[in-house]
Amino acid sequence: MVAIRKVDVTLLDKPKTRTATPRQLSPKAQARLAQQKQFSRMLARLRDRDDVFEVRLDDDEKPMTVRQRLMRAAQDQGKEIVIRKSERGWLVGLATPDRRSTRGRKPAQRTT
């Protein structure tokens, strides 16, 4: 059976605010955050076309996920990069006209 009792009106008008305790990140989330910082530091060191880095993958990492994270980190920094496969992972360098992909739709020619 439920219990019913009369209470003060201030409880309804001004509910108590609880201070939220910050939640701890899971170990996987901490690893992702550390990897994102590592990618950001690596991309900050890309300055010219001669700077190329190899990102080696662990056995438990998915290559496409790592590639997407690299692209996201580059987008956050405003850099255009090229990612190519290597024997052990990915090669990362700045995008140059000769490195850019020729796949996809060609840019429209403007007529004025």
PDB file of N, CA and C in Angstrom:
ATOM      1  N   MET A   1       0.835  -1.158   0.000  1.00  0.00           N
ATOM      2  CA  MET A   1       0.000   0.000   0.000  1.00  0.00           C
ATOM      3  C   MET A   1       0.895   1.243   0.000  1.00  0.00           C
ATOM      4  N   VAL A   2       0.471   2.319  -0.671  1.00  0.00           N
ATOM      5  CA  VAL A   2       1.236   3.554  -0.737  1.00  0.00           C
ATOM      6  C   VAL A   2       0.990   4.377   0.506  1.00  0.00           C
ATOM      7  N   ALA A   3       1.953   5.193   0.857  1.00  0.00           N
ATOM      8  CA  ALA A   3       1.805   6.084   2.009  1.00  0.00           C
ATOM      9  C   ALA A   3       1.582   7.499   1.490  1.00  0.00           C
ATOM     10  N   ILE A   4       0.617   8.198   2.027  1.00  0.00           N
ATOM     11  CA  ILE A   4       0.304   9.558   1.619  1.00  0.00           C
ATOM     12  C   ILE A   4       0.445  10.448   2.841  1.00  0.00           C
ATOM     13  N   ARG A   5       1.126  11.588   2.646  1.00  0.00           N
ATOM     14  CA  ARG A   5       1.265  12.530   3.742  1.00  0.00           C
ATOM     15  C   ARG A   5       1.287  13.942   3.190  1.00  0.00           C
ATOM     16  N   LYS A   6       0.923  14.891   3.999  1.00  0.00           N
ATOM     17  CA  LYS A   6       0.906  16.294   3.603  1.00  0.00           C
ATOM     18  C   LYS A   6       2.300  16.862   3.852  1.00  0.00           C
ATOM     19  N   VAL A   7       2.801  17.644   2.837  1.00  0.00           N
ATOM     20  CA  VAL A   7       4.134  18.244   2.946  1.00  0.00           C
ATOM     21  C   VAL A   7       4.033  19.737   2.713  1.00  0.00           C
ATOM     22  N   ASP A   8       5.125  20.429   2.931  1.00  0.00           N
ATOM     23  CA  ASP A   8       5.176  21.875   2.757  1.00  0.00           C
ATOM     24  C   ASP A   8       5.136  22.213   1.269  1.00  0.00           C
ATOM     25  N   VAL A   9       4.535  23.330   0.907  1.00  0.00           N
ATOM     26  CA  VAL A   9       4.399  23.744  -0.479  1.00  0.00           C
ATOM     27  C   VAL A   9       5.749  24.100  -1.109  1.00  0.00           C
ATOM     28  N   THR A  10       6.745  24.468  -0.332  1.00  0.00           N
ATOM     29  CA  THR A  10       8.053  24.830  -0.883  1.00  0.00           C
ATOM     30  C   THR A  10       8.735  23.644  -1.563  1.00  0.00           C
ATOM     31  N   LEU A  11       8.394  22.459  -1.159  1.00  0.00           N
ATOM     32  CA  LEU A  11       8.972  21.282  -1.814  1.00  0.00           C
ATOM     33  C   LEU A  11       8.531  21.186  -3.263  1.00  0.00           C
ATOM     34  N   LEU A  12       7.307  21.601  -3.548  1.00  0.00           N
ATOM     35  CA  LEU A  12       6.795  21.548  -4.906  1.00  0.00           C
ATOM     36  C   LEU A  12       7.277  22.732  -5.732  1.00  0.00           C
ATOM     37  N   ASP A  13       7.309  23.906  -5.132  1.00  0.00           N
ATOM     38  CA  ASP A  13       7.681  25.115  -5.867  1.00  0.00           C
ATOM     39  C   ASP A  13       9.171  25.206  -6.141  1.00  0.00           C
ATOM     40  N   LYS A  14       9.976  24.748  -5.224  1.00  0.00           N
ATOM     41  CA  LYS A  14      11.420  24.826  -5.376  1.00  0.00           C
ATOM     42  C   LYS A  14      12.030  23.457  -5.127  1.00  0.00           C
ATOM     43  N   PRO A  15      12.056  22.609  -6.148  1.00  0.00           N
ATOM     44  CA  PRO A  15      12.636  21.287  -5.907  1.00  0.00           C
ATOM     45  C   PRO A  15      14.140  21.383  -5.653  1.00  0.00           C
ATOM     46  N   LYS A  16      14.621  20.457  -4.882  1.00  0.00           N
ATOM     47  CA  LYS A  16      16.053  20.417  -4.580  1.00  0.00           C
ATOM     48  C   LYS A  16      16.845  20.123  -5.849  1.00  0.00           C
ATOM     49  N   THR A  17      17.935  20.801  -5.987  1.00  0.00           N
ATOM     50  CA  THR A  17      18.822  20.521  -7.120  1.00  0.00           C
ATOM     51  C   THR A  17      19.987  19.687  -6.604  1.00  0.00           C
ATOM     52  N   ARG A  18      20.207  18.628  -7.292  1.00  0.00           N
ATOM     53  CA  ARG A  18      21.328  17.763  -6.925  1.00  0.00           C
ATOM     54  C   ARG A  18      22.534  18.138  -7.753  1.00  0.00           C
ATOM     55  N   THR A  19      23.651  18.086  -7.164  1.00  0.00           N
ATOM     56  CA  THR A  19      24.876  18.304  -7.922  1.00  0.00           C
ATOM     57  C   THR A  19      25.255  16.985  -8.572  1.00  0.00           C
ATOM     58  N   ALA A  20      25.376  17.024  -9.858  1.00  0.00           N
ATOM     59  CA  ALA A  20      25.710  15.814 -10.598  1.00  0.00           C
ATOM     60  C   ALA A  20      27.186  15.487 -10.414  1.00  0.00           C
ATOM     61  N   THR A  21      27.445  14.272 -10.078  1.00  0.00           N
ATOM     62  CA  THR A  21      28.832  13.848  -9.959  1.00  0.00           C
ATOM     63  C   THR A  21      29.333  13.481 -11.350  1.00  0.00           C
ATOM     64  N   PRO A  22      30.524  13.934 -11.683  1.00  0.00           N
ATOM     65  CA  PRO A  22      31.033  13.608 -13.025  1.00  0.00           C
ATOM     66  C   PRO A  22      31.265  12.107 -13.156  1.00  0.00           C
ATOM     67  N   ARG A  23      30.811  11.586 -14.280  1.00  0.00           N
ATOM     68  CA  ARG A  23      30.963  10.159 -14.526  1.00  0.00           C
ATOM     69  C   ARG A  23      32.360   9.867 -15.061  1.00  0.00           C
ATOM     70  N   GLN A  24      32.878   8.756 -14.664  1.00  0.00           N
ATOM     71  CA  GLN A  24      34.180   8.313 -15.143  1.00  0.00           C
ATOM     72  C   GLN A  24      34.015   7.687 -16.529  1.00  0.00           C
ATOM     73  N   LEU A  25      34.982   7.944 -17.382  1.00  0.00           N
ATOM     74  CA  LEU A  25      34.960   7.326 -18.692  1.00  0.00           C
ATOM     75  C   LEU A  25      35.330   5.853 -18.576  1.00  0.00           C
ATOM     76  N   SER A  26      34.754   5.057 -19.450  1.00  0.00           N
ATOM     77  CA  SER A  26      35.092   3.643 -19.470  1.00  0.00           C
ATOM     78  C   SER A  26      36.523   3.487 -20.004  1.00  0.00           C
ATOM     79  N   PRO A  27      37.148   2.356 -19.770  1.00  0.00           N
ATOM     80  CA  PRO A  27      38.504   2.161 -20.291  1.00  0.00           C
ATOM     81  C   PRO A  27      38.579   2.286 -21.812  1.00  0.00           C
ATOM     82  N   LYS A  28      37.547   1.812 -22.521  1.00  0.00           N
ATOM     83  CA  LYS A  28      37.554   1.951 -23.981  1.00  0.00           C
ATOM     84  C   LYS A  28      37.437   3.402 -24.399  1.00  0.00           C
ATOM     85  N   ALA A  29      36.607   4.166 -23.702  1.00  0.00           N
ATOM     86  CA  ALA A  29      36.454   5.590 -24.022  1.00  0.00           C
ATOM     87  C   ALA A  29      37.745   6.344 -23.725  1.00  0.00           C
ATOM     88  N   GLN A  30      38.430   5.979 -22.644  1.00  0.00           N
ATOM     89  CA  GLN A  30      39.713   6.609 -22.327  1.00  0.00           C
ATOM     90  C   GLN A  30      40.744   6.290 -23.402  1.00  0.00           C
ATOM     91  N   ALA A  31      40.730   5.062 -23.909  1.00  0.00           N
ATOM     92  CA  ALA A  31      41.663   4.673 -24.968  1.00  0.00           C
ATOM     93  C   ALA A  31      41.366   5.445 -26.251  1.00  0.00           C
ATOM     94  N   ARG A  32      40.078   5.624 -26.581  1.00  0.00           N
ATOM     95  CA  ARG A  32      39.706   6.399 -27.773  1.00  0.00           C
ATOM     96  C   ARG A  32      40.148   7.847 -27.641  1.00  0.00           C
ATOM     97  N   LEU A  33      39.972   8.422 -26.458  1.00  0.00           N
ATOM     98  CA  LEU A  33      40.376   9.807 -26.229  1.00  0.00           C
ATOM     99  C   LEU A  33      41.890   9.955 -26.349  1.00  0.00           C
ATOM    100  N   ALA A  34      42.629   9.004 -25.797  1.00  0.00           N
ATOM    101  CA  ALA A  34      44.090   9.041 -25.902  1.00  0.00           C
ATOM    102  C   ALA A  34      44.527   8.894 -27.357  1.00  0.00           C
ATOM    103  N   GLN A  35      43.841   8.028 -28.114  1.00  0.00           N
ATOM    104  CA  GLN A  35      44.174   7.849 -29.528  1.00  0.00           C
ATOM    105  C   GLN A  35      43.877   9.120 -30.313  1.00  0.00           C
ATOM    106  N   GLN A  36      42.776   9.791 -30.002  1.00  0.00           N
ATOM    107  CA  GLN A  36      42.421  11.034 -30.689  1.00  0.00           C
ATOM    108  C   GLN A  36      43.471  12.114 -30.429  1.00  0.00           C
ATOM    109  N   LYS A  37      43.944  12.205 -29.197  1.00  0.00           N
ATOM    110  CA  LYS A  37      45.000  13.173 -28.875  1.00  0.00           C
ATOM    111  C   LYS A  37      46.292  12.831 -29.613  1.00  0.00           C
ATOM    112  N   GLN A  38      46.584  11.538 -29.716  1.00  0.00           N
ATOM    113  CA  GLN A  38      47.786  11.088 -30.418  1.00  0.00           C
ATOM    114  C   GLN A  38      47.694  11.453 -31.899  1.00  0.00           C
ATOM    115  N   PHE A  39      46.532  11.255 -32.505  1.00  0.00           N
ATOM    116  CA  PHE A  39      46.338  11.623 -33.905  1.00  0.00           C
ATOM    117  C   PHE A  39      46.469  13.133 -34.097  1.00  0.00           C
ATOM    118  N   SER A  40      45.933  13.915 -33.167  1.00  0.00           N
ATOM    119  CA  SER A  40      46.015  15.373 -33.276  1.00  0.00           C
ATOM    120  C   SER A  40      47.460  15.851 -33.200  1.00  0.00           C
ATOM    121  N   ARG A  41      48.235  15.246 -32.301  1.00  0.00           N
ATOM    122  CA  ARG A  41      49.657  15.618 -32.204  1.00  0.00           C
ATOM    123  C   ARG A  41      50.406  15.252 -33.476  1.00  0.00           C
ATOM    124  N   MET A  42      50.099  14.089 -34.044  1.00  0.00           N
ATOM    125  CA  MET A  42      50.763  13.663 -35.271  1.00  0.00           C
ATOM    126  C   MET A  42      50.411  14.611 -36.412  1.00  0.00           C
ATOM    127  N   LEU A  43      49.129  14.965 -36.552  1.00  0.00           N
ATOM    128  CA  LEU A  43      48.704  15.844 -37.639  1.00  0.00           C
ATOM    129  C   LEU A  43      49.256  17.258 -37.488  1.00  0.00           C
ATOM    130  N   ALA A  44      49.504  17.674 -36.261  1.00  0.00           N
ATOM    131  CA  ALA A  44      50.109  18.993 -36.048  1.00  0.00           C
ATOM    132  C   ALA A  44      51.542  19.028 -36.576  1.00  0.00           C
ATOM    133  N   ARG A  45      52.184  17.871 -36.643  1.00  0.00           N
ATOM    134  CA  ARG A  45      53.560  17.801 -37.149  1.00  0.00           C
ATOM    135  C   ARG A  45      53.625  17.711 -38.669  1.00  0.00           C
ATOM    136  N   LEU A  46      52.476  17.550 -39.346  1.00  0.00           N
ATOM    137  CA  LEU A  46      52.453  17.554 -40.812  1.00  0.00           C
ATOM    138  C   LEU A  46      52.532  18.997 -41.290  1.00  0.00           C
ATOM    139  N   ARG A  47      53.657  19.356 -41.910  1.00  0.00           N
ATOM    140  CA  ARG A  47      53.835  20.729 -42.338  1.00  0.00           C
ATOM    141  C   ARG A  47      53.997  20.868 -43.854  1.00  0.00           C
ATOM    142  N   ASP A  48      54.668  19.910 -44.485  1.00  0.00           N
ATOM    143  CA  ASP A  48      54.848  19.995 -45.934  1.00  0.00           C
ATOM    144  C   ASP A  48      54.688  18.608 -46.542  1.00  0.00           C
ATOM    145  N   ARG A  49      54.869  18.527 -47.844  1.00  0.00           N
ATOM    146  CA  ARG A  49      54.595  17.275 -48.552  1.00  0.00           C
ATOM    147  C   ARG A  49      55.580  16.163 -48.204  1.00  0.00           C
ATOM    148  N   ASP A  50      56.724  16.499 -47.626  1.00  0.00           N
ATOM    149  CA  ASP A  50      57.730  15.484 -47.300  1.00  0.00           C
ATOM    150  C   ASP A  50      57.480  14.813 -45.952  1.00  0.00           C
ATOM    151  N   ASP A  51      56.542  15.340 -45.171  1.00  0.00           N
ATOM    152  CA  ASP A  51      56.220  14.735 -43.878  1.00  0.00           C
ATOM    153  C   ASP A  51      55.181  13.642 -44.092  1.00  0.00           C
ATOM    154  N   VAL A  52      55.562  12.398 -43.804  1.00  0.00           N
ATOM    155  CA  VAL A  52      54.653  11.250 -43.945  1.00  0.00           C
ATOM    156  C   VAL A  52      54.818  10.395 -42.697  1.00  0.00           C
ATOM    157  N   PHE A  53      53.696   9.952 -42.148  1.00  0.00           N
ATOM    158  CA  PHE A  53      53.710   9.115 -40.953  1.00  0.00           C
ATOM    159  C   PHE A  53      53.014   7.796 -41.254  1.00  0.00           C
ATOM    160  N   GLU A  54      53.469   6.746 -40.575  1.00  0.00           N
ATOM    161  CA  GLU A  54      52.815   5.449 -40.670  1.00  0.00           C
ATOM    162  C   GLU A  54      52.092   5.181 -39.356  1.00  0.00           C
ATOM    163  N   VAL A  55      50.821   4.865 -39.445  1.00  0.00           N
ATOM    164  CA  VAL A  55      50.026   4.512 -38.278  1.00  0.00           C
ATOM    165  C   VAL A  55      49.893   2.996 -38.290  1.00  0.00           C
ATOM    166  N   ARG A  56      50.549   2.345 -37.340  1.00  0.00           N
ATOM    167  CA  ARG A  56      50.503   0.887 -37.270  1.00  0.00           C
ATOM    168  C   ARG A  56      49.327   0.461 -36.405  1.00  0.00           C
ATOM    169  N   LEU A  57      48.658  -0.586 -36.838  1.00  0.00           N
ATOM    170  CA  LEU A  57      47.456  -1.043 -36.155  1.00  0.00           C
ATOM    171  C   LEU A  57      47.744  -2.226 -35.252  1.00  0.00           C
ATOM    172  N   ASP A  58      47.036  -2.264 -34.113  1.00  0.00           N
ATOM    173  CA  ASP A  58      47.085  -3.441 -33.246  1.00  0.00           C
ATOM    174  C   ASP A  58      46.148  -4.496 -33.814  1.00  0.00           C
ATOM    175  N   ASP A  59      46.220  -5.679 -33.261  1.00  0.00           N
ATOM    176  CA  ASP A  59      45.373  -6.766 -33.741  1.00  0.00           C
ATOM    177  C   ASP A  59      43.893  -6.520 -33.449  1.00  0.00           C
ATOM    178  N   ASP A  60      43.597  -5.784 -32.371  1.00  0.00           N
ATOM    179  CA  ASP A  60      42.201  -5.592 -31.990  1.00  0.00           C
ATOM    180  C   ASP A  60      41.575  -4.347 -32.625  1.00  0.00           C
ATOM    181  N   GLU A  61      42.325  -3.582 -33.414  1.00  0.00           N
ATOM    182  CA  GLU A  61      41.795  -2.371 -34.033  1.00  0.00           C
ATOM    183  C   GLU A  61      41.296  -2.655 -35.448  1.00  0.00           C
ATOM    184  N   LYS A  62      40.203  -2.018 -35.788  1.00  0.00           N
ATOM    185  CA  LYS A  62      39.651  -2.155 -37.129  1.00  0.00           C
ATOM    186  C   LYS A  62      40.256  -1.063 -38.014  1.00  0.00           C
ATOM    187  N   PRO A  63      40.792  -1.452 -39.157  1.00  0.00           N
ATOM    188  CA  PRO A  63      41.461  -0.460 -40.014  1.00  0.00           C
ATOM    189  C   PRO A  63      40.560   0.695 -40.445  1.00  0.00           C
ATOM    190  N   MET A  64      39.332   0.412 -40.819  1.00  0.00           N
ATOM    191  CA  MET A  64      38.454   1.478 -41.299  1.00  0.00           C
ATOM    192  C   MET A  64      38.062   2.441 -40.183  1.00  0.00           C
ATOM    193  N   THR A  65      37.950   1.946 -38.960  1.00  0.00           N
ATOM    194  CA  THR A  65      37.635   2.812 -37.837  1.00  0.00           C
ATOM    195  C   THR A  65      38.788   3.763 -37.576  1.00  0.00           C
ATOM    196  N   VAL A  66      40.000   3.258 -37.625  1.00  0.00           N
ATOM    197  CA  VAL A  66      41.173   4.105 -37.421  1.00  0.00           C
ATOM    198  C   VAL A  66      41.267   5.146 -38.538  1.00  0.00           C
ATOM    199  N   ARG A  67      40.971   4.734 -39.762  1.00  0.00           N
ATOM    200  CA  ARG A  67      41.000   5.667 -40.888  1.00  0.00           C
ATOM    201  C   ARG A  67      39.973   6.775 -40.697  1.00  0.00           C
ATOM    202  N   GLN A  68      38.773   6.439 -40.256  1.00  0.00           N
ATOM    203  CA  GLN A  68      37.749   7.447 -40.007  1.00  0.00           C
ATOM    204  C   GLN A  68      38.159   8.399 -38.897  1.00  0.00           C
ATOM    205  N   ARG A  69      38.795   7.878 -37.867  1.00  0.00           N
ATOM    206  CA  ARG A  69      39.255   8.740 -36.773  1.00  0.00           C
ATOM    207  C   ARG A  69      40.356   9.683 -37.247  1.00  0.00           C
ATOM    208  N   LEU A  70      41.228   9.194 -38.130  1.00  0.00           N
ATOM    209  CA  LEU A  70      42.260  10.062 -38.700  1.00  0.00           C
ATOM    210  C   LEU A  70      41.631  11.191 -39.521  1.00  0.00           C
ATOM    211  N   MET A  71      40.641  10.831 -40.333  1.00  0.00           N
ATOM    212  CA  MET A  71      39.972  11.839 -41.154  1.00  0.00           C
ATOM    213  C   MET A  71      39.252  12.861 -40.282  1.00  0.00           C
ATOM    214  N   ARG A  72      38.649  12.407 -39.200  1.00  0.00           N
ATOM    215  CA  ARG A  72      37.939  13.314 -38.293  1.00  0.00           C
ATOM    216  C   ARG A  72      38.919  14.261 -37.597  1.00  0.00           C
ATOM    217  N   ALA A  73      40.062  13.745 -37.164  1.00  0.00           N
ATOM    218  CA  ALA A  73      41.064  14.587 -36.507  1.00  0.00           C
ATOM    219  C   ALA A  73      41.608  15.626 -37.485  1.00  0.00           C
ATOM    220  N   ALA A  74      41.798  15.242 -38.740  1.00  0.00           N
ATOM    221  CA  ALA A  74      42.277  16.183 -39.750  1.00  0.00           C
ATOM    222  C   ALA A  74      41.228  17.246 -40.028  1.00  0.00           C
ATOM    223  N   GLN A  75      39.977  16.855 -40.065  1.00  0.00           N
ATOM    224  CA  GLN A  75      38.908  17.816 -40.302  1.00  0.00           C
ATOM    225  C   GLN A  75      38.820  18.809 -39.141  1.00  0.00           C
ATOM    226  N   ASP A  76      38.996  18.339 -37.926  1.00  0.00           N
ATOM    227  CA  ASP A  76      38.962  19.220 -36.761  1.00  0.00           C
ATOM    228  C   ASP A  76      40.087  20.241 -36.799  1.00  0.00           C
ATOM    229  N   GLN A  77      41.243  19.857 -37.355  1.00  0.00           N
ATOM    230  CA  GLN A  77      42.377  20.766 -37.449  1.00  0.00           C
ATOM    231  C   GLN A  77      42.371  21.590 -38.728  1.00  0.00           C
ATOM    232  N   GLY A  78      41.457  21.284 -39.630  1.00  0.00           N
ATOM    233  CA  GLY A  78      41.378  22.035 -40.878  1.00  0.00           C
ATOM    234  C   GLY A  78      42.459  21.664 -41.876  1.00  0.00           C
ATOM    235  N   LYS A  79      42.947  20.448 -41.796  1.00  0.00           N
ATOM    236  CA  LYS A  79      43.975  19.983 -42.725  1.00  0.00           C
ATOM    237  C   LYS A  79      43.378  18.982 -43.694  1.00  0.00           C
ATOM    238  N   GLU A  80      43.890  19.005 -44.916  1.00  0.00           N
ATOM    239  CA  GLU A  80      43.468  18.034 -45.912  1.00  0.00           C
ATOM    240  C   GLU A  80      44.583  17.002 -46.039  1.00  0.00           C
ATOM    241  N   ILE A  81      44.238  15.759 -45.715  1.00  0.00           N
ATOM    242  CA  ILE A  81      45.254  14.708 -45.710  1.00  0.00           C
ATOM    243  C   ILE A  81      44.870  13.615 -46.696  1.00  0.00           C
ATOM    244  N   VAL A  82      45.865  12.790 -46.990  1.00  0.00           N
ATOM    245  CA  VAL A  82      45.687  11.612 -47.829  1.00  0.00           C
ATOM    246  C   VAL A  82      46.109  10.413 -46.992  1.00  0.00           C
ATOM    247  N   ILE A  83      45.292   9.368 -47.022  1.00  0.00           N
ATOM    248  CA  ILE A  83      45.586   8.152 -46.263  1.00  0.00           C
ATOM    249  C   ILE A  83      45.667   6.998 -47.245  1.00  0.00           C
ATOM    250  N   ARG A  84      46.796   6.289 -47.205  1.00  0.00           N
ATOM    251  CA  ARG A  84      47.012   5.140 -48.084  1.00  0.00           C
ATOM    252  C   ARG A  84      47.355   3.925 -47.242  1.00  0.00           C
ATOM    253  N   LYS A  85      47.045   2.756 -47.768  1.00  0.00           N
ATOM    254  CA  LYS A  85      47.365   1.513 -47.065  1.00  0.00           C
ATOM    255  C   LYS A  85      48.854   1.260 -47.072  1.00  0.00           C
ATOM    256  N   SER A  86      49.325   0.660 -46.002  1.00  0.00           N
ATOM    257  CA  SER A  86      50.693   0.150 -45.960  1.00  0.00           C
ATOM    258  C   SER A  86      50.609  -1.288 -45.466  1.00  0.00           C
ATOM    259  N   GLU A  87      51.738  -1.947 -45.363  1.00  0.00           N
ATOM    260  CA  GLU A  87      51.739  -3.350 -44.944  1.00  0.00           C
ATOM    261  C   GLU A  87      51.235  -3.514 -43.517  1.00  0.00           C
ATOM    262  N   ARG A  88      51.524  -2.552 -42.654  1.00  0.00           N
ATOM    263  CA  ARG A  88      51.176  -2.696 -41.235  1.00  0.00           C
ATOM    264  C   ARG A  88      50.065  -1.756 -40.773  1.00  0.00           C
ATOM    265  N   GLY A  89      49.539  -0.926 -41.661  1.00  0.00           N
ATOM    266  CA  GLY A  89      48.510   0.007 -41.228  1.00  0.00           C
ATOM    267  C   GLY A  89      48.209   1.038 -42.298  1.00  0.00           C
ATOM    268  N   TRP A  90      48.374   2.319 -41.946  1.00  0.00           N
ATOM    269  CA  TRP A  90      48.066   3.425 -42.850  1.00  0.00           C
ATOM    270  C   TRP A  90      49.231   4.389 -42.960  1.00  0.00           C
ATOM    271  N   LEU A  91      49.423   4.945 -44.146  1.00  0.00           N
ATOM    272  CA  LEU A  91      50.373   6.023 -44.371  1.00  0.00           C
ATOM    273  C   LEU A  91      49.577   7.320 -44.456  1.00  0.00           C
ATOM    274  N   VAL A  92      50.042   8.356 -43.751  1.00  0.00           N
ATOM    275  CA  VAL A  92      49.316   9.614 -43.677  1.00  0.00           C
ATOM    276  C   VAL A  92      50.239  10.745 -44.103  1.00  0.00           C
ATOM    277  N   GLY A  93      49.762  11.576 -45.018  1.00  0.00           N
ATOM    278  CA  GLY A  93      50.522  12.734 -45.476  1.00  0.00           C
ATOM    279  C   GLY A  93      49.572  13.830 -45.924  1.00  0.00           C
ATOM    280  N   LEU A  94      50.123  15.003 -46.150  1.00  0.00           N
ATOM    281  CA  LEU A  94      49.303  16.108 -46.628  1.00  0.00           C
ATOM    282  C   LEU A  94      48.853  15.857 -48.059  1.00  0.00           C
ATOM    283  N   ALA A  95      47.676  16.338 -48.382  1.00  0.00           N
ATOM    284  CA  ALA A  95      47.135  16.181 -49.736  1.00  0.00           C
ATOM    285  C   ALA A  95      47.799  17.185 -50.662  1.00  0.00           C
ATOM    286  N   THR A  96      48.314  16.702 -51.765  1.00  0.00           N
ATOM    287  CA  THR A  96      48.883  17.553 -52.809  1.00  0.00           C
ATOM    288  C   THR A  96      48.140  17.223 -54.100  1.00  0.00           C
ATOM    289  N   PRO A  97      48.252  18.057 -55.123  1.00  0.00           N
ATOM    290  CA  PRO A  97      47.513  17.766 -56.361  1.00  0.00           C
ATOM    291  C   PRO A  97      47.823  16.393 -56.957  1.00  0.00           C
ATOM    292  N   ASP A  98      49.065  15.941 -56.853  1.00  0.00           N
ATOM    293  CA  ASP A  98      49.391  14.635 -57.418  1.00  0.00           C
ATOM    294  C   ASP A  98      48.967  13.479 -56.511  1.00  0.00           C
ATOM    295  N   ARG A  99      48.684  13.729 -55.240  1.00  0.00           N
ATOM    296  CA  ARG A  99      48.248  12.682 -54.323  1.00  0.00           C
ATOM    297  C   ARG A  99      46.728  12.556 -54.241  1.00  0.00           C
ATOM    298  N   ARG A 100      46.012  13.574 -54.655  1.00  0.00           N
ATOM    299  CA  ARG A 100      44.557  13.545 -54.552  1.00  0.00           C
ATOM    300  C   ARG A 100      43.984  12.456 -55.444  1.00  0.00           C
ATOM    301  N   SER A 101      42.872  11.922 -55.041  1.00  0.00           N
ATOM    302  CA  SER A 101      42.215  10.861 -55.789  1.00  0.00           C
ATOM    303  C   SER A 101      41.541  11.438 -57.026  1.00  0.00           C
ATOM    304  N   THR A 102      41.523  10.650 -58.086  1.00  0.00           N
ATOM    305  CA  THR A 102      40.830  11.055 -59.303  1.00  0.00           C
ATOM    306  C   THR A 102      39.476  10.359 -59.422  1.00  0.00           C
ATOM    307  N   ARG A 103      39.082   9.671 -58.379  1.00  0.00           N
ATOM    308  CA  ARG A 103      37.794   8.975 -58.381  1.00  0.00           C
ATOM    309  C   ARG A 103      36.663   9.966 -58.169  1.00  0.00           C
ATOM    310  N   GLY A 104      35.484   9.572 -58.576  1.00  0.00           N
ATOM    311  CA  GLY A 104      34.306  10.393 -58.335  1.00  0.00           C
ATOM    312  C   GLY A 104      33.989  11.303 -59.501  1.00  0.00           C
ATOM    313  N   ARG A 105      33.046  12.148 -59.275  1.00  0.00           N
ATOM    314  CA  ARG A 105      32.566  13.058 -60.308  1.00  0.00           C
ATOM    315  C   ARG A 105      33.569  14.183 -60.516  1.00  0.00           C
ATOM    316  N   LYS A 106      33.791  14.527 -61.772  1.00  0.00           N
ATOM    317  CA  LYS A 106      34.700  15.615 -62.100  1.00  0.00           C
ATOM    318  C   LYS A 106      34.044  16.948 -61.760  1.00  0.00           C
ATOM    319  N   PRO A 107      34.841  17.926 -61.355  1.00  0.00           N
ATOM    320  CA  PRO A 107      34.248  19.225 -61.037  1.00  0.00           C
ATOM    321  C   PRO A 107      33.619  19.855 -62.285  1.00  0.00           C
ATOM    322  N   ALA A 108      32.500  20.517 -62.095  1.00  0.00           N
ATOM    323  CA  ALA A 108      31.803  21.155 -63.217  1.00  0.00           C
ATOM    324  C   ALA A 108      32.600  22.340 -63.706  1.00  0.00           C
ATOM    325  N   GLN A 109      32.624  22.500 -65.021  1.00  0.00           N
ATOM    326  CA  GLN A 109      33.309  23.646 -65.597  1.00  0.00           C
ATOM    327  C   GLN A 109      32.352  24.824 -65.613  1.00  0.00           C
ATOM    328  N   ARG A 110      32.846  25.940 -65.146  1.00  0.00           N
ATOM    329  CA  ARG A 110      32.008  27.124 -65.072  1.00  0.00           C
ATOM    330  C   ARG A 110      32.103  27.913 -66.394  1.00  0.00           C
ATOM    331  N   THR A 111      30.960  28.315 -66.873  1.00  0.00           N
ATOM    332  CA  THR A 111      30.936  29.157 -68.069  1.00  0.00           C
ATOM    333  C   THR A 111      30.387  30.514 -67.680  1.00  0.00           C
ATOM    334  N   THR A 112      31.127  31.535 -67.996  1.00  0.00           N
ATOM    335  CA  THR A 112      30.669  32.891 -67.642  1.00  0.00           C
ATOM    336  C   THR A 112      30.501  33.751 -68.851  1.00  0.00           C
TER     337      THR A 112
END
